[in-house]
Amino acid sequence: RCSPDEAIMRKAGEYGLTGESGQPFMVMPLTDASALAPQGGQV
C-alpha cells in the first residue's frame, strides 16, 4: 500500500523483482452511487 523501504527493495531485487509500478486505489461509499443517473442506453 506504500512505497517499499530499502529492506523490501533489496529482498525483491534478490528474486529479480526489479520492475516497479504504481496503481491508484480508489474508494467510494456506495450510497454515493445511488444518485447516479442511468446511462444504459442501448447497452
ModelCIF file with pLDDT and N, C-alpha, C, O atoms, coordinates in Angstrom:
data_MODEL
#
_entry.id   MODEL 
#
_entity.id                         1 
_entity.type                       polymer 
_entity.pdbx_number_of_molecules   1 
#
_entity_poly.entity_id                      1 
_entity_poly.type                           'polypeptide(L)' 
_entity_poly.nstd_linkage                   no 
_entity_poly.nstd_monomer                   no 
_entity_poly.pdbx_seq_one_letter_code       RCSPDEAIMRKAGEYGLTGESGQPFMVMPLTDASALAPQGGQV 
_entity_poly.pdbx_seq_one_letter_code_can   RCSPDEAIMRKAGEYGLTGESGQPFMVMPLTDASALAPQGGQV 
_entity_poly.pdbx_strand_id                 A 
#
loop_
_entity_poly_seq.entity_id 
_entity_poly_seq.num 
_entity_poly_seq.mon_id 
_entity_poly_seq.hetero 
1 1  ARG n 
1 2  CYS n 
1 3  SER n 
1 4  PRO n 
1 5  ASP n 
1 6  GLU n 
1 7  ALA n 
1 8  ILE n 
1 9  MET n 
1 10 ARG n 
1 11 LYS n 
1 12 ALA n 
1 13 GLY n 
1 14 GLU n 
1 15 TYR n 
1 16 GLY n 
1 17 LEU n 
1 18 THR n 
1 19 GLY n 
1 20 GLU n 
1 21 SER n 
1 22 GLY n 
1 23 GLN n 
1 24 PRO n 
1 25 PHE n 
1 26 MET n 
1 27 VAL n 
1 28 MET n 
1 29 PRO n 
1 30 LEU n 
1 31 THR n 
1 32 ASP n 
1 33 ALA n 
1 34 SER n 
1 35 ALA n 
1 36 LEU n 
1 37 ALA n 
1 38 PRO n 
1 39 GLN n 
1 40 GLY n 
1 41 GLY n 
1 42 GLN n 
1 43 VAL n 
#
_struct_asym.id          A 
_struct_asym.entity_id   1 
#
loop_
_ma_qa_metric.id 
_ma_qa_metric.mode 
_ma_qa_metric.name 
_ma_qa_metric.software_group_id 
_ma_qa_metric.type 
1 global pLDDT . pLDDT 
2 local  pLDDT . pLDDT 
#
_ma_qa_metric_global.metric_id      1 
_ma_qa_metric_global.metric_value   86.09 
_ma_qa_metric_global.model_id       1 
_ma_qa_metric_global.ordinal_id     1 
#
loop_
_ma_qa_metric_local.label_asym_id 
_ma_qa_metric_local.label_comp_id 
_ma_qa_metric_local.label_seq_id 
_ma_qa_metric_local.metric_id 
_ma_qa_metric_local.metric_value 
_ma_qa_metric_local.model_id 
_ma_qa_metric_local.ordinal_id 
A ARG 1  2 97.00 1 1  
A CYS 2  2 94.00 1 2  
A SER 3  2 95.00 1 3  
A PRO 4  2 97.00 1 4  
A ASP 5  2 97.00 1 5  
A GLU 6  2 97.00 1 6  
A ALA 7  2 97.00 1 7  
A ILE 8  2 98.00 1 8  
A MET 9  2 98.00 1 9  
A ARG 10 2 97.00 1 10 
A LYS 11 2 98.00 1 11 
A ALA 12 2 98.00 1 12 
A GLY 13 2 98.00 1 13 
A GLU 14 2 97.00 1 14 
A TYR 15 2 98.00 1 15 
A GLY 16 2 98.00 1 16 
A LEU 17 2 98.00 1 17 
A THR 18 2 97.00 1 18 
A GLY 19 2 97.00 1 19 
A GLU 20 2 97.00 1 20 
A SER 21 2 96.00 1 21 
A GLY 22 2 97.00 1 22 
A GLN 23 2 97.00 1 23 
A PRO 24 2 98.00 1 24 
A PHE 25 2 98.00 1 25 
A MET 26 2 98.00 1 26 
A VAL 27 2 98.00 1 27 
A MET 28 2 96.00 1 28 
A PRO 29 2 95.00 1 29 
A LEU 30 2 95.00 1 30 
A THR 31 2 82.00 1 31 
A ASP 32 2 56.00 1 32 
A ALA 33 2 51.00 1 33 
A SER 34 2 49.00 1 34 
A ALA 35 2 50.00 1 35 
A LEU 36 2 53.00 1 36 
A ALA 37 2 49.00 1 37 
A PRO 38 2 51.00 1 38 
A GLN 39 2 55.00 1 39 
A GLY 40 2 54.00 1 40 
A GLY 41 2 64.00 1 41 
A GLN 42 2 85.00 1 42 
A VAL 43 2 92.00 1 43 
#
loop_
_atom_site.group_PDB 
_atom_site.id 
_atom_site.type_symbol 
_atom_site.label_atom_id 
_atom_site.label_alt_id 
_atom_site.label_comp_id 
_atom_site.label_asym_id 
_atom_site.label_entity_id 
_atom_site.label_seq_id 
_atom_site.pdbx_PDB_ins_code 
_atom_site.Cartn_x 
_atom_site.Cartn_y 
_atom_site.Cartn_z 
_atom_site.occupancy 
_atom_site.B_iso_or_equiv 
_atom_site.pdbx_formal_charge 
_atom_site.auth_seq_id 
_atom_site.auth_comp_id 
_atom_site.auth_asym_id 
_atom_site.auth_atom_id 
_atom_site.pdbx_PDB_model_num 
ATOM 1   N N  . ARG A 1 1  ? 0.818   -1.212  0.000   1.00 97.00 ? 1  ARG A N  1 
ATOM 2   C CA . ARG A 1 1  ? 0.000   0.000   0.000   1.00 97.00 ? 1  ARG A CA 1 
ATOM 3   C C  . ARG A 1 1  ? 0.855   1.267   0.000   1.00 97.00 ? 1  ARG A C  1 
ATOM 4   O O  . ARG A 1 1  ? 0.320   2.375   0.046   1.00 97.00 ? 1  ARG A O  1 
ATOM 5   N N  . CYS A 1 2  ? 2.137   1.116   -0.049  1.00 94.00 ? 2  CYS A N  1 
ATOM 6   C CA . CYS A 1 2  ? 3.034   2.264   0.088   1.00 94.00 ? 2  CYS A CA 1 
ATOM 7   C C  . CYS A 1 2  ? 4.273   2.012   -0.769  1.00 94.00 ? 2  CYS A C  1 
ATOM 8   O O  . CYS A 1 2  ? 4.375   0.983   -1.438  1.00 94.00 ? 2  CYS A O  1 
ATOM 9   N N  . SER A 1 3  ? 5.194   2.941   -0.746  1.00 95.00 ? 3  SER A N  1 
ATOM 10  C CA . SER A 1 3  ? 6.486   2.717   -1.390  1.00 95.00 ? 3  SER A CA 1 
ATOM 11  C C  . SER A 1 3  ? 7.308   1.776   -0.515  1.00 95.00 ? 3  SER A C  1 
ATOM 12  O O  . SER A 1 3  ? 7.323   1.943   0.705   1.00 95.00 ? 3  SER A O  1 
ATOM 13  N N  . PRO A 1 4  ? 7.983   0.804   -1.093  1.00 97.00 ? 4  PRO A N  1 
ATOM 14  C CA . PRO A 1 4  ? 8.743   -0.151  -0.294  1.00 97.00 ? 4  PRO A CA 1 
ATOM 15  C C  . PRO A 1 4  ? 9.961   0.488   0.351   1.00 97.00 ? 4  PRO A C  1 
ATOM 16  O O  . PRO A 1 4  ? 10.565  1.400   -0.212  1.00 97.00 ? 4  PRO A O  1 
ATOM 17  N N  . ASP A 1 5  ? 10.318  0.005   1.536   1.00 97.00 ? 5  ASP A N  1 
ATOM 18  C CA . ASP A 1 5  ? 11.538  0.501   2.174   1.00 97.00 ? 5  ASP A CA 1 
ATOM 19  C C  . ASP A 1 5  ? 12.746  -0.220  1.585   1.00 97.00 ? 5  ASP A C  1 
ATOM 20  O O  . ASP A 1 5  ? 12.612  -1.102  0.737   1.00 97.00 ? 5  ASP A O  1 
ATOM 21  N N  . GLU A 1 6  ? 13.905  0.166   2.044   1.00 97.00 ? 6  GLU A N  1 
ATOM 22  C CA . GLU A 1 6  ? 15.142  -0.364  1.482   1.00 97.00 ? 6  GLU A CA 1 
ATOM 23  C C  . GLU A 1 6  ? 15.248  -1.872  1.656   1.00 97.00 ? 6  GLU A C  1 
ATOM 24  O O  . GLU A 1 6  ? 15.718  -2.572  0.759   1.00 97.00 ? 6  GLU A O  1 
ATOM 25  N N  . ALA A 1 7  ? 14.812  -2.372  2.805   1.00 97.00 ? 7  ALA A N  1 
ATOM 26  C CA . ALA A 1 7  ? 14.921  -3.806  3.062   1.00 97.00 ? 7  ALA A CA 1 
ATOM 27  C C  . ALA A 1 7  ? 14.041  -4.606  2.101   1.00 97.00 ? 7  ALA A C  1 
ATOM 28  O O  . ALA A 1 7  ? 14.466  -5.644  1.595   1.00 97.00 ? 7  ALA A O  1 
ATOM 29  N N  . ILE A 1 8  ? 12.826  -4.134  1.847   1.00 98.00 ? 8  ILE A N  1 
ATOM 30  C CA . ILE A 1 8  ? 11.932  -4.842  0.925   1.00 98.00 ? 8  ILE A CA 1 
ATOM 31  C C  . ILE A 1 8  ? 12.448  -4.739  -0.497  1.00 98.00 ? 8  ILE A C  1 
ATOM 32  O O  . ILE A 1 8  ? 12.381  -5.711  -1.250  1.00 98.00 ? 8  ILE A O  1 
ATOM 33  N N  . MET A 1 9  ? 12.959  -3.581  -0.875  1.00 98.00 ? 9  MET A N  1 
ATOM 34  C CA . MET A 1 9  ? 13.519  -3.425  -2.222  1.00 98.00 ? 9  MET A CA 1 
ATOM 35  C C  . MET A 1 9  ? 14.700  -4.373  -2.420  1.00 98.00 ? 9  MET A C  1 
ATOM 36  O O  . MET A 1 9  ? 14.844  -4.987  -3.478  1.00 98.00 ? 9  MET A O  1 
ATOM 37  N N  . ARG A 1 10 ? 15.526  -4.483  -1.410  1.00 97.00 ? 10 ARG A N  1 
ATOM 38  C CA . ARG A 1 10 ? 16.685  -5.369  -1.513  1.00 97.00 ? 10 ARG A CA 1 
ATOM 39  C C  . ARG A 1 10 ? 16.254  -6.814  -1.659  1.00 97.00 ? 10 ARG A C  1 
ATOM 40  O O  . ARG A 1 10 ? 16.799  -7.553  -2.478  1.00 97.00 ? 10 ARG A O  1 
ATOM 41  N N  . LYS A 1 11 ? 15.269  -7.218  -0.860  1.00 98.00 ? 11 LYS A N  1 
ATOM 42  C CA . LYS A 1 11 ? 14.787  -8.600  -0.940  1.00 98.00 ? 11 LYS A CA 1 
ATOM 43  C C  . LYS A 1 11 ? 14.138  -8.868  -2.298  1.00 98.00 ? 11 LYS A C  1 
ATOM 44  O O  . LYS A 1 11 ? 14.356  -9.924  -2.892  1.00 98.00 ? 11 LYS A O  1 
ATOM 45  N N  . ALA A 1 12 ? 13.346  -7.922  -2.789  1.00 98.00 ? 12 ALA A N  1 
ATOM 46  C CA . ALA A 1 12 ? 12.724  -8.081  -4.110  1.00 98.00 ? 12 ALA A CA 1 
ATOM 47  C C  . ALA A 1 12 ? 13.792  -8.223  -5.188  1.00 98.00 ? 12 ALA A C  1 
ATOM 48  O O  . ALA A 1 12 ? 13.661  -9.047  -6.093  1.00 98.00 ? 12 ALA A O  1 
ATOM 49  N N  . GLY A 1 13 ? 14.842  -7.425  -5.091  1.00 98.00 ? 13 GLY A N  1 
ATOM 50  C CA . GLY A 1 13 ? 15.920  -7.494  -6.071  1.00 98.00 ? 13 GLY A CA 1 
ATOM 51  C C  . GLY A 1 13 ? 16.613  -8.842  -6.088  1.00 98.00 ? 13 GLY A C  1 
ATOM 52  O O  . GLY A 1 13 ? 17.052  -9.303  -7.141  1.00 98.00 ? 13 GLY A O  1 
ATOM 53  N N  . GLU A 1 14 ? 16.716  -9.483  -4.922  1.00 97.00 ? 14 GLU A N  1 
ATOM 54  C CA . GLU A 1 14 ? 17.341  -10.806 -4.860  1.00 97.00 ? 14 GLU A CA 1 
ATOM 55  C C  . GLU A 1 14 ? 16.583  -11.822 -5.705  1.00 97.00 ? 14 GLU A C  1 
ATOM 56  O O  . GLU A 1 14 ? 17.167  -12.786 -6.200  1.00 97.00 ? 14 GLU A O  1 
ATOM 57  N N  . TYR A 1 15 ? 15.277  -11.602 -5.869  1.00 98.00 ? 15 TYR A N  1 
ATOM 58  C CA . TYR A 1 15 ? 14.441  -12.509 -6.649  1.00 98.00 ? 15 TYR A CA 1 
ATOM 59  C C  . TYR A 1 15 ? 14.157  -11.986 -8.055  1.00 98.00 ? 15 TYR A C  1 
ATOM 60  O O  . TYR A 1 15 ? 13.316  -12.534 -8.768  1.00 98.00 ? 15 TYR A O  1 
ATOM 61  N N  . GLY A 1 16 ? 14.850  -10.942 -8.446  1.00 98.00 ? 16 GLY A N  1 
ATOM 62  C CA . GLY A 1 16 ? 14.670  -10.407 -9.793  1.00 98.00 ? 16 GLY A CA 1 
ATOM 63  C C  . GLY A 1 16 ? 13.447  -9.534  -9.965  1.00 98.00 ? 16 GLY A C  1 
ATOM 64  O O  . GLY A 1 16 ? 13.067  -9.229  -11.095 1.00 98.00 ? 16 GLY A O  1 
ATOM 65  N N  . LEU A 1 17 ? 12.817  -9.122  -8.872  1.00 98.00 ? 17 LEU A N  1 
ATOM 66  C CA . LEU A 1 17 ? 11.638  -8.253  -8.964  1.00 98.00 ? 17 LEU A CA 1 
ATOM 67  C C  . LEU A 1 17 ? 12.103  -6.803  -8.954  1.00 98.00 ? 17 LEU A C  1 
ATOM 68  O O  . LEU A 1 17 ? 11.941  -6.089  -7.965  1.00 98.00 ? 17 LEU A O  1 
ATOM 69  N N  . THR A 1 18 ? 12.679  -6.387  -10.061 1.00 97.00 ? 18 THR A N  1 
ATOM 70  C CA . THR A 1 18 ? 13.288  -5.061  -10.147 1.00 97.00 ? 18 THR A CA 1 
ATOM 71  C C  . THR A 1 18 ? 12.395  -4.041  -10.854 1.00 97.00 ? 18 THR A C  1 
ATOM 72  O O  . THR A 1 18 ? 12.724  -2.856  -10.900 1.00 97.00 ? 18 THR A O  1 
ATOM 73  N N  . GLY A 1 19 ? 11.265  -4.498  -11.408 1.00 97.00 ? 19 GLY A N  1 
ATOM 74  C CA . GLY A 1 19 ? 10.305  -3.572  -12.000 1.00 97.00 ? 19 GLY A CA 1 
ATOM 75  C C  . GLY A 1 19 ? 9.367   -3.031  -10.933 1.00 97.00 ? 19 GLY A C  1 
ATOM 76  O O  . GLY A 1 19 ? 8.991   -3.747  -10.005 1.00 97.00 ? 19 GLY A O  1 
ATOM 77  N N  . GLU A 1 20 ? 8.996   -1.781  -11.067 1.00 97.00 ? 20 GLU A N  1 
ATOM 78  C CA . GLU A 1 20 ? 8.123   -1.147  -10.073 1.00 97.00 ? 20 GLU A CA 1 
ATOM 79  C C  . GLU A 1 20 ? 7.038   -0.354  -10.776 1.00 97.00 ? 20 GLU A C  1 
ATOM 80  O O  . GLU A 1 20 ? 7.317   0.395   -11.713 1.00 97.00 ? 20 GLU A O  1 
ATOM 81  N N  . SER A 1 21 ? 5.810   -0.516  -10.331 1.00 96.00 ? 21 SER A N  1 
ATOM 82  C CA . SER A 1 21 ? 4.700   0.241   -10.904 1.00 96.00 ? 21 SER A CA 1 
ATOM 83  C C  . SER A 1 21 ? 3.738   0.656   -9.799  1.00 96.00 ? 21 SER A C  1 
ATOM 84  O O  . SER A 1 21 ? 3.602   -0.025  -8.782  1.00 96.00 ? 21 SER A O  1 
ATOM 85  N N  . GLY A 1 22 ? 3.072   1.787   -10.019 1.00 97.00 ? 22 GLY A N  1 
ATOM 86  C CA . GLY A 1 22 ? 2.093   2.277   -9.061  1.00 97.00 ? 22 GLY A CA 1 
ATOM 87  C C  . GLY A 1 22 ? 0.693   2.189   -9.631  1.00 97.00 ? 22 GLY A C  1 
ATOM 88  O O  . GLY A 1 22 ? 0.497   2.279   -10.843 1.00 97.00 ? 22 GLY A O  1 
ATOM 89  N N  . GLN A 1 23 ? -0.273  2.012   -8.754  1.00 97.00 ? 23 GLN A N  1 
ATOM 90  C CA . GLN A 1 23 ? -1.662  1.875   -9.180  1.00 97.00 ? 23 GLN A CA 1 
ATOM 91  C C  . GLN A 1 23 ? -2.572  2.573   -8.183  1.00 97.00 ? 23 GLN A C  1 
ATOM 92  O O  . GLN A 1 23 ? -2.541  2.251   -6.995  1.00 97.00 ? 23 GLN A O  1 
ATOM 93  N N  . PRO A 1 24 ? -3.387  3.527   -8.642  1.00 98.00 ? 24 PRO A N  1 
ATOM 94  C CA . PRO A 1 24 ? -4.311  4.204   -7.728  1.00 98.00 ? 24 PRO A CA 1 
ATOM 95  C C  . PRO A 1 24 ? -5.309  3.225   -7.117  1.00 98.00 ? 24 PRO A C  1 
ATOM 96  O O  . PRO A 1 24 ? -5.895  2.398   -7.815  1.00 98.00 ? 24 PRO A O  1 
ATOM 97  N N  . PHE A 1 25 ? -5.490  3.333   -5.810  1.00 98.00 ? 25 PHE A N  1 
ATOM 98  C CA . PHE A 1 25 ? -6.501  2.568   -5.095  1.00 98.00 ? 25 PHE A CA 1 
ATOM 99  C C  . PHE A 1 25 ? -7.632  3.540   -4.790  1.00 98.00 ? 25 PHE A C  1 
ATOM 100 O O  . PHE A 1 25 ? -7.440  4.520   -4.071  1.00 98.00 ? 25 PHE A O  1 
ATOM 101 N N  . MET A 1 26 ? -8.821  3.263   -5.343  1.00 98.00 ? 26 MET A N  1 
ATOM 102 C CA . MET A 1 26 ? -9.932  4.200   -5.280  1.00 98.00 ? 26 MET A CA 1 
ATOM 103 C C  . MET A 1 26 ? -11.070 3.605   -4.456  1.00 98.00 ? 26 MET A C  1 
ATOM 104 O O  . MET A 1 26 ? -11.325 2.401   -4.497  1.00 98.00 ? 26 MET A O  1 
ATOM 105 N N  . VAL A 1 27 ? -11.743 4.467   -3.715  1.00 98.00 ? 27 VAL A N  1 
ATOM 106 C CA . VAL A 1 27 ? -12.771 4.024   -2.772  1.00 98.00 ? 27 VAL A CA 1 
ATOM 107 C C  . VAL A 1 27 ? -13.996 4.923   -2.913  1.00 98.00 ? 27 VAL A C  1 
ATOM 108 O O  . VAL A 1 27 ? -13.879 6.102   -3.247  1.00 98.00 ? 27 VAL A O  1 
ATOM 109 N N  . MET A 1 28 ? -15.177 4.349   -2.653  1.00 96.00 ? 28 MET A N  1 
ATOM 110 C CA . MET A 1 28 ? -16.405 5.125   -2.725  1.00 96.00 ? 28 MET A CA 1 
ATOM 111 C C  . MET A 1 28 ? -17.463 4.533   -1.802  1.00 96.00 ? 28 MET A C  1 
ATOM 112 O O  . MET A 1 28 ? -17.693 3.324   -1.838  1.00 96.00 ? 28 MET A O  1 
ATOM 113 N N  . PRO A 1 29 ? -18.116 5.353   -0.973  1.00 95.00 ? 29 PRO A N  1 
ATOM 114 C CA . PRO A 1 29 ? -19.296 4.860   -0.261  1.00 95.00 ? 29 PRO A CA 1 
ATOM 115 C C  . PRO A 1 29 ? -20.387 4.547   -1.277  1.00 95.00 ? 29 PRO A C  1 
ATOM 116 O O  . PRO A 1 29 ? -20.649 5.356   -2.166  1.00 95.00 ? 29 PRO A O  1 
ATOM 117 N N  . LEU A 1 30 ? -21.015 3.408   -1.161  1.00 95.00 ? 30 LEU A N  1 
ATOM 118 C CA . LEU A 1 30 ? -21.982 3.024   -2.181  1.00 95.00 ? 30 LEU A CA 1 
ATOM 119 C C  . LEU A 1 30 ? -23.253 3.856   -2.147  1.00 95.00 ? 30 LEU A C  1 
ATOM 120 O O  . LEU A 1 30 ? -24.026 3.835   -3.104  1.00 95.00 ? 30 LEU A O  1 
ATOM 121 N N  . THR A 1 31 ? -23.483 4.584   -1.072  1.00 82.00 ? 31 THR A N  1 
ATOM 122 C CA . THR A 1 31 ? -24.623 5.492   -1.075  1.00 82.00 ? 31 THR A CA 1 
ATOM 123 C C  . THR A 1 31 ? -24.442 6.571   -2.135  1.00 82.00 ? 31 THR A C  1 
ATOM 124 O O  . THR A 1 31 ? -25.424 7.094   -2.662  1.00 82.00 ? 31 THR A O  1 
ATOM 125 N N  . ASP A 1 32 ? -23.183 6.910   -2.453  1.00 56.00 ? 32 ASP A N  1 
ATOM 126 C CA . ASP A 1 32 ? -22.923 7.910   -3.494  1.00 56.00 ? 32 ASP A CA 1 
ATOM 127 C C  . ASP A 1 32 ? -23.400 7.425   -4.850  1.00 56.00 ? 32 ASP A C  1 
ATOM 128 O O  . ASP A 1 32 ? -23.837 8.225   -5.677  1.00 56.00 ? 32 ASP A O  1 
ATOM 129 N N  . ALA A 1 33 ? -23.321 6.126   -5.085  1.00 51.00 ? 33 ALA A N  1 
ATOM 130 C CA . ALA A 1 33 ? -23.687 5.586   -6.401  1.00 51.00 ? 33 ALA A CA 1 
ATOM 131 C C  . ALA A 1 33 ? -25.185 5.673   -6.641  1.00 51.00 ? 33 ALA A C  1 
ATOM 132 O O  . ALA A 1 33 ? -25.632 5.723   -7.787  1.00 51.00 ? 33 ALA A O  1 
ATOM 133 N N  . SER A 1 34 ? -25.968 5.693   -5.555  1.00 49.00 ? 34 SER A N  1 
ATOM 134 C CA . SER A 1 34 ? -27.413 5.669   -5.727  1.00 49.00 ? 34 SER A CA 1 
ATOM 135 C C  . SER A 1 34 ? -27.934 6.922   -6.410  1.00 49.00 ? 34 SER A C  1 
ATOM 136 O O  . SER A 1 34 ? -29.049 6.928   -6.931  1.00 49.00 ? 34 SER A O  1 
ATOM 137 N N  . ALA A 1 35 ? -27.122 8.001   -6.412  1.00 50.00 ? 35 ALA A N  1 
ATOM 138 C CA . ALA A 1 35 ? -27.571 9.254   -7.009  1.00 50.00 ? 35 ALA A CA 1 
ATOM 139 C C  . ALA A 1 35 ? -27.246 9.345   -8.489  1.00 50.00 ? 35 ALA A C  1 
ATOM 140 O O  . ALA A 1 35 ? -27.643 10.306  -9.147  1.00 50.00 ? 35 ALA A O  1 
ATOM 141 N N  . LEU A 1 36 ? -26.530 8.361   -9.028  1.00 53.00 ? 36 LEU A N  1 
ATOM 142 C CA . LEU A 1 36 ? -26.137 8.410   -10.429 1.00 53.00 ? 36 LEU A CA 1 
ATOM 143 C C  . LEU A 1 36 ? -27.337 8.209   -11.341 1.00 53.00 ? 36 LEU A C  1 
ATOM 144 O O  . LEU A 1 36 ? -28.175 7.340   -11.103 1.00 53.00 ? 36 LEU A O  1 
ATOM 145 N N  . ALA A 1 37 ? -27.410 9.027   -12.391 1.00 49.00 ? 37 ALA A N  1 
ATOM 146 C CA . ALA A 1 37 ? -28.476 8.855   -13.378 1.00 49.00 ? 37 ALA A CA 1 
ATOM 147 C C  . ALA A 1 37 ? -28.148 7.666   -14.264 1.00 49.00 ? 37 ALA A C  1 
ATOM 148 O O  . ALA A 1 37 ? -26.982 7.483   -14.613 1.00 49.00 ? 37 ALA A O  1 
ATOM 149 N N  . PRO A 1 38 ? -29.128 6.846   -14.646 1.00 51.00 ? 38 PRO A N  1 
ATOM 150 C CA . PRO A 1 38 ? -28.869 5.707   -15.528 1.00 51.00 ? 38 PRO A CA 1 
ATOM 151 C C  . PRO A 1 38 ? -28.271 6.158   -16.853 1.00 51.00 ? 38 PRO A C  1 
ATOM 152 O O  . PRO A 1 38 ? -28.700 7.155   -17.433 1.00 51.00 ? 38 PRO A O  1 
ATOM 153 N N  . GLN A 1 39 ? -27.264 5.406   -17.329 1.00 55.00 ? 39 GLN A N  1 
ATOM 154 C CA . GLN A 1 39 ? -26.591 5.759   -18.580 1.00 55.00 ? 39 GLN A CA 1 
ATOM 155 C C  . GLN A 1 39 ? -26.657 4.624   -19.592 1.00 55.00 ? 39 GLN A C  1 
ATOM 156 O O  . GLN A 1 39 ? -25.903 4.617   -20.565 1.00 55.00 ? 39 GLN A O  1 
ATOM 157 N N  . GLY A 1 40 ? -27.546 3.674   -19.376 1.00 54.00 ? 40 GLY A N  1 
ATOM 158 C CA . GLY A 1 40 ? -27.508 2.439   -20.147 1.00 54.00 ? 40 GLY A CA 1 
ATOM 159 C C  . GLY A 1 40 ? -27.720 2.580   -21.632 1.00 54.00 ? 40 GLY A C  1 
ATOM 160 O O  . GLY A 1 40 ? -26.979 1.984   -22.413 1.00 54.00 ? 40 GLY A O  1 
ATOM 161 N N  . GLY A 1 41 ? -28.719 3.356   -22.055 1.00 64.00 ? 41 GLY A N  1 
ATOM 162 C CA . GLY A 1 41 ? -28.986 3.470   -23.481 1.00 64.00 ? 41 GLY A CA 1 
ATOM 163 C C  . GLY A 1 41 ? -29.292 2.117   -24.080 1.00 64.00 ? 41 GLY A C  1 
ATOM 164 O O  . GLY A 1 41 ? -30.145 1.384   -23.581 1.00 64.00 ? 41 GLY A O  1 
ATOM 165 N N  . GLN A 1 42 ? -28.587 1.786   -25.161 1.00 85.00 ? 42 GLN A N  1 
ATOM 166 C CA . GLN A 1 42 ? -28.811 0.531   -25.865 1.00 85.00 ? 42 GLN A CA 1 
ATOM 167 C C  . GLN A 1 42 ? -27.913 -0.593  -25.357 1.00 85.00 ? 42 GLN A C  1 
ATOM 168 O O  . GLN A 1 42 ? -27.891 -1.682  -25.933 1.00 85.00 ? 42 GLN A O  1 
ATOM 169 N N  . VAL A 1 43 ? -27.173 -0.333  -24.284 1.00 92.00 ? 43 VAL A N  1 
ATOM 170 C CA . VAL A 1 43 ? -26.268 -1.344  -23.748 1.00 92.00 ? 43 VAL A CA 1 
ATOM 171 C C  . VAL A 1 43 ? -26.985 -2.157  -22.671 1.00 92.00 ? 43 VAL A C  1 
ATOM 172 O O  . VAL A 1 43 ? -26.394 -3.067  -22.089 1.00 92.00 ? 43 VAL A O  1 
#
